[in-house]
Amino acid sequence: MADRVTYAATIPADLMVQLESLARQQGRPAADLIADAVRSYLDDRRWENLLGAASQRARAMGLSEDDAPALIAESRSEQASGRSSGSLKIGSEIAALGRKFGGVRLKIRRDSTSTSTPEFD
């Protein structure tokens, strides 16, 4: 079992009622459900940070979503032949993100001054 710490937090009463009900339905302690929720939240933030960084890198390189298929094909071709151009493997990064998150498509804007977050289809 992983190390655990006790942390006291105040949550709205209606959420507590729902939490306790779900815990009973699942036969799990409410603390486990809270830990799962926090873990999920932190994973989502890491994913958003990764997408933001990838979007910034792509914009800085002048890439758009329309460039992704060619970059992915180029990367796969290089991997299959065992050669590497030594260039940034943004195609591989995009392909890996798509595989990890079930085909989520990242829309990257060409406007390098944009500070908005990525959009998803």
C-alpha atoms as a PDB file:
ATOM      1  CA  MET A   1       0.000   0.000   0.000  1.00  0.00           C
ATOM      2  CA  ALA A   2       1.213   3.477  -0.861  1.00  0.00           C
ATOM      3  CA  ASP A   3       2.080   5.942   1.860  1.00  0.00           C
ATOM      4  CA  ARG A   4      -0.931   7.951   2.944  1.00  0.00           C
ATOM      5  CA  VAL A   5      -1.372  11.269   4.705  1.00  0.00           C
ATOM      6  CA  THR A   6      -4.427  12.758   6.341  1.00  0.00           C
ATOM      7  CA  TYR A   7      -5.716  15.996   4.892  1.00  0.00           C
ATOM      8  CA  ALA A   8      -8.818  17.801   6.133  1.00  0.00           C
ATOM      9  CA  ALA A   9     -10.916  19.642   3.560  1.00  0.00           C
ATOM     10  CA  THR A  10     -14.340  21.231   3.531  1.00  0.00           C
ATOM     11  CA  ILE A  11     -16.664  20.339   0.660  1.00  0.00           C
ATOM     12  CA  PRO A  12     -20.264  21.325  -0.045  1.00  0.00           C
ATOM     13  CA  ALA A  13     -22.841  19.125   1.687  1.00  0.00           C
ATOM     14  CA  ASP A  14     -24.500  18.087  -1.587  1.00  0.00           C
ATOM     15  CA  LEU A  15     -21.169  16.759  -2.882  1.00  0.00           C
ATOM     16  CA  MET A  16     -20.627  14.817   0.324  1.00  0.00           C
ATOM     17  CA  VAL A  17     -24.044  13.182  -0.013  1.00  0.00           C
ATOM     18  CA  GLN A  18     -23.217  12.162  -3.589  1.00  0.00           C
ATOM     19  CA  LEU A  19     -19.750  10.979  -2.576  1.00  0.00           C
ATOM     20  CA  GLU A  20     -21.054   8.809   0.245  1.00  0.00           C
ATOM     21  CA  SER A  21     -23.774   7.369  -1.983  1.00  0.00           C
ATOM     22  CA  LEU A  22     -21.265   6.472  -4.701  1.00  0.00           C
ATOM     23  CA  ALA A  23     -18.868   4.994  -2.138  1.00  0.00           C
ATOM     24  CA  ARG A  24     -21.650   2.732  -0.828  1.00  0.00           C
ATOM     25  CA  GLN A  25     -22.634   1.697  -4.373  1.00  0.00           C
ATOM     26  CA  GLN A  26     -19.048   0.787  -5.205  1.00  0.00           C
ATOM     27  CA  GLY A  27     -18.248  -0.720  -1.822  1.00  0.00           C
ATOM     28  CA  ARG A  28     -15.224   1.539  -1.499  1.00  0.00           C
ATOM     29  CA  PRO A  29     -14.157   4.070   1.114  1.00  0.00           C
ATOM     30  CA  ALA A  30     -15.010   7.671   0.274  1.00  0.00           C
ATOM     31  CA  ALA A  31     -11.329   8.526   0.796  1.00  0.00           C
ATOM     32  CA  ASP A  32     -10.428   6.236  -2.129  1.00  0.00           C
ATOM     33  CA  LEU A  33     -12.902   8.034  -4.387  1.00  0.00           C
ATOM     34  CA  ILE A  34     -11.468  11.391  -3.340  1.00  0.00           C
ATOM     35  CA  ALA A  35      -7.931  10.146  -4.057  1.00  0.00           C
ATOM     36  CA  ASP A  36      -9.105   8.916  -7.490  1.00  0.00           C
ATOM     37  CA  ALA A  37     -10.676  12.312  -8.204  1.00  0.00           C
ATOM     38  CA  VAL A  38      -7.521  14.203  -7.213  1.00  0.00           C
ATOM     39  CA  ARG A  39      -5.368  11.826  -9.265  1.00  0.00           C
ATOM     40  CA  SER A  40      -7.635  12.347 -12.281  1.00  0.00           C
ATOM     41  CA  TYR A  41      -7.540  16.121 -11.827  1.00  0.00           C
ATOM     42  CA  LEU A  42      -3.735  16.137 -11.659  1.00  0.00           C
ATOM     43  CA  ASP A  43      -3.505  13.895 -14.740  1.00  0.00           C
ATOM     44  CA  ASP A  44      -5.801  16.302 -16.622  1.00  0.00           C
ATOM     45  CA  ARG A  45      -3.593  19.265 -15.660  1.00  0.00           C
ATOM     46  CA  ARG A  46      -0.465  17.422 -16.849  1.00  0.00           C
ATOM     47  CA  TRP A  47      -2.233  16.622 -20.149  1.00  0.00           C
ATOM     48  CA  GLU A  48      -3.269  20.279 -20.567  1.00  0.00           C
ATOM     49  CA  ASN A  49       0.299  21.417 -19.856  1.00  0.00           C
ATOM     50  CA  LEU A  50       1.678  18.927 -22.379  1.00  0.00           C
ATOM     51  CA  LEU A  51      -0.775  20.067 -25.043  1.00  0.00           C
ATOM     52  CA  GLY A  52       0.016  23.700 -24.331  1.00  0.00           C
ATOM     53  CA  ALA A  53       3.738  23.074 -24.690  1.00  0.00           C
ATOM     54  CA  ALA A  54       3.254  21.062 -27.900  1.00  0.00           C
ATOM     55  CA  SER A  55       0.996  23.766 -29.305  1.00  0.00           C
ATOM     56  CA  GLN A  56       3.563  26.472 -28.532  1.00  0.00           C
ATOM     57  CA  ARG A  57       6.366  24.453 -30.134  1.00  0.00           C
ATOM     58  CA  ALA A  58       4.282  23.799 -33.229  1.00  0.00           C
ATOM     59  CA  ARG A  59       3.304  27.478 -33.547  1.00  0.00           C
ATOM     60  CA  ALA A  60       6.926  28.536 -33.134  1.00  0.00           C
ATOM     61  CA  MET A  61       7.811  26.196 -35.987  1.00  0.00           C
ATOM     62  CA  GLY A  62       5.003  27.588 -38.152  1.00  0.00           C
ATOM     63  CA  LEU A  63       3.103  24.292 -38.131  1.00  0.00           C
ATOM     64  CA  SER A  64      -0.642  23.797 -38.275  1.00  0.00           C
ATOM     65  CA  GLU A  65      -2.960  20.836 -37.862  1.00  0.00           C
ATOM     66  CA  ASP A  66      -2.889  20.447 -41.646  1.00  0.00           C
ATOM     67  CA  ASP A  67       0.844  19.639 -41.404  1.00  0.00           C
ATOM     68  CA  ALA A  68       0.332  16.717 -39.004  1.00  0.00           C
ATOM     69  CA  PRO A  69      -0.418  13.907 -41.529  1.00  0.00           C
ATOM     70  CA  ALA A  70       2.735  14.625 -43.558  1.00  0.00           C
ATOM     71  CA  LEU A  71       4.888  14.902 -40.422  1.00  0.00           C
ATOM     72  CA  ILE A  72       3.505  11.641 -39.059  1.00  0.00           C
ATOM     73  CA  ALA A  73       4.073   9.867 -42.383  1.00  0.00           C
ATOM     74  CA  GLU A  74       7.634  11.199 -42.556  1.00  0.00           C
ATOM     75  CA  SER A  75       8.360  10.090 -39.005  1.00  0.00           C
ATOM     76  CA  ARG A  76       6.915   6.615 -39.588  1.00  0.00           C
ATOM     77  CA  SER A  77       8.942   6.273 -42.787  1.00  0.00           C
ATOM     78  CA  GLU A  78      12.133   7.242 -40.940  1.00  0.00           C
ATOM     79  CA  GLN A  79      11.367   4.816 -38.122  1.00  0.00           C
ATOM     80  CA  ALA A  80      10.639   1.973 -40.555  1.00  0.00           C
ATOM     81  CA  SER A  81      13.898   2.527 -42.424  1.00  0.00           C
ATOM     82  CA  GLY A  82      15.924   2.954 -39.244  1.00  0.00           C
ATOM     83  CA  ARG A  83      17.187   6.357 -40.276  1.00  0.00           C
ATOM     84  CA  SER A  84      16.743   9.682 -38.568  1.00  0.00           C
ATOM     85  CA  SER A  85      17.038  13.141 -40.021  1.00  0.00           C
ATOM     86  CA  GLY A  86      18.012  14.550 -36.641  1.00  0.00           C
ATOM     87  CA  SER A  87      15.177  17.066 -36.914  1.00  0.00           C
ATOM     88  CA  LEU A  88      12.544  17.651 -34.268  1.00  0.00           C
ATOM     89  CA  LYS A  89      10.185  14.677 -34.218  1.00  0.00           C
ATOM     90  CA  ILE A  90       6.991  16.669 -33.833  1.00  0.00           C
ATOM     91  CA  GLY A  91       5.226  14.170 -36.085  1.00  0.00           C
ATOM     92  CA  SER A  92       6.089  11.379 -33.661  1.00  0.00           C
ATOM     93  CA  GLU A  93       4.929  13.476 -30.742  1.00  0.00           C
ATOM     94  CA  ILE A  94       1.602  14.220 -32.414  1.00  0.00           C
ATOM     95  CA  ALA A  95       1.125  10.564 -33.353  1.00  0.00           C
ATOM     96  CA  ALA A  96       1.941   9.402 -29.825  1.00  0.00           C
ATOM     97  CA  LEU A  97      -0.493  11.876 -28.310  1.00  0.00           C
ATOM     98  CA  GLY A  98      -3.204  10.758 -30.711  1.00  0.00           C
ATOM     99  CA  ARG A  99      -2.643   7.091 -29.830  1.00  0.00           C
ATOM    100  CA  LYS A 100      -2.574   7.778 -26.101  1.00  0.00           C
ATOM    101  CA  PHE A 101      -5.761   9.788 -26.094  1.00  0.00           C
ATOM    102  CA  GLY A 102      -7.814   7.815 -28.591  1.00  0.00           C
ATOM    103  CA  GLY A 103      -7.668   9.941 -31.696  1.00  0.00           C
ATOM    104  CA  VAL A 104      -8.021  13.374 -30.099  1.00  0.00           C
ATOM    105  CA  ARG A 105      -7.146  15.908 -32.760  1.00  0.00           C
ATOM    106  CA  LEU A 106      -5.262  19.011 -31.717  1.00  0.00           C
ATOM    107  CA  LYS A 107      -6.023  22.185 -33.633  1.00  0.00           C
ATOM    108  CA  ILE A 108      -2.962  24.407 -33.743  1.00  0.00           C
ATOM    109  CA  ARG A 109      -3.419  27.998 -34.825  1.00  0.00           C
ATOM    110  CA  ARG A 110      -0.875  29.649 -37.122  1.00  0.00           C
ATOM    111  CA  ASP A 111      -1.181  32.926 -35.209  1.00  0.00           C
ATOM    112  CA  SER A 112       1.994  32.910 -33.115  1.00  0.00           C
ATOM    113  CA  THR A 113       0.604  35.672 -30.875  1.00  0.00           C
ATOM    114  CA  SER A 114      -2.305  33.514 -29.759  1.00  0.00           C
ATOM    115  CA  THR A 115      -2.171  32.496 -26.122  1.00  0.00           C
ATOM    116  CA  SER A 116      -5.359  30.455 -26.187  1.00  0.00           C
ATOM    117  CA  THR A 117      -5.387  26.795 -25.286  1.00  0.00           C
ATOM    118  CA  PRO A 118      -5.600  24.068 -27.915  1.00  0.00           C
ATOM    119  CA  GLU A 119      -8.982  23.067 -29.287  1.00  0.00           C
ATOM    120  CA  PHE A 120     -10.189  19.492 -29.650  1.00  0.00           C
ATOM    121  CA  ASP A 121     -12.428  17.730 -32.139  1.00  0.00           C
END
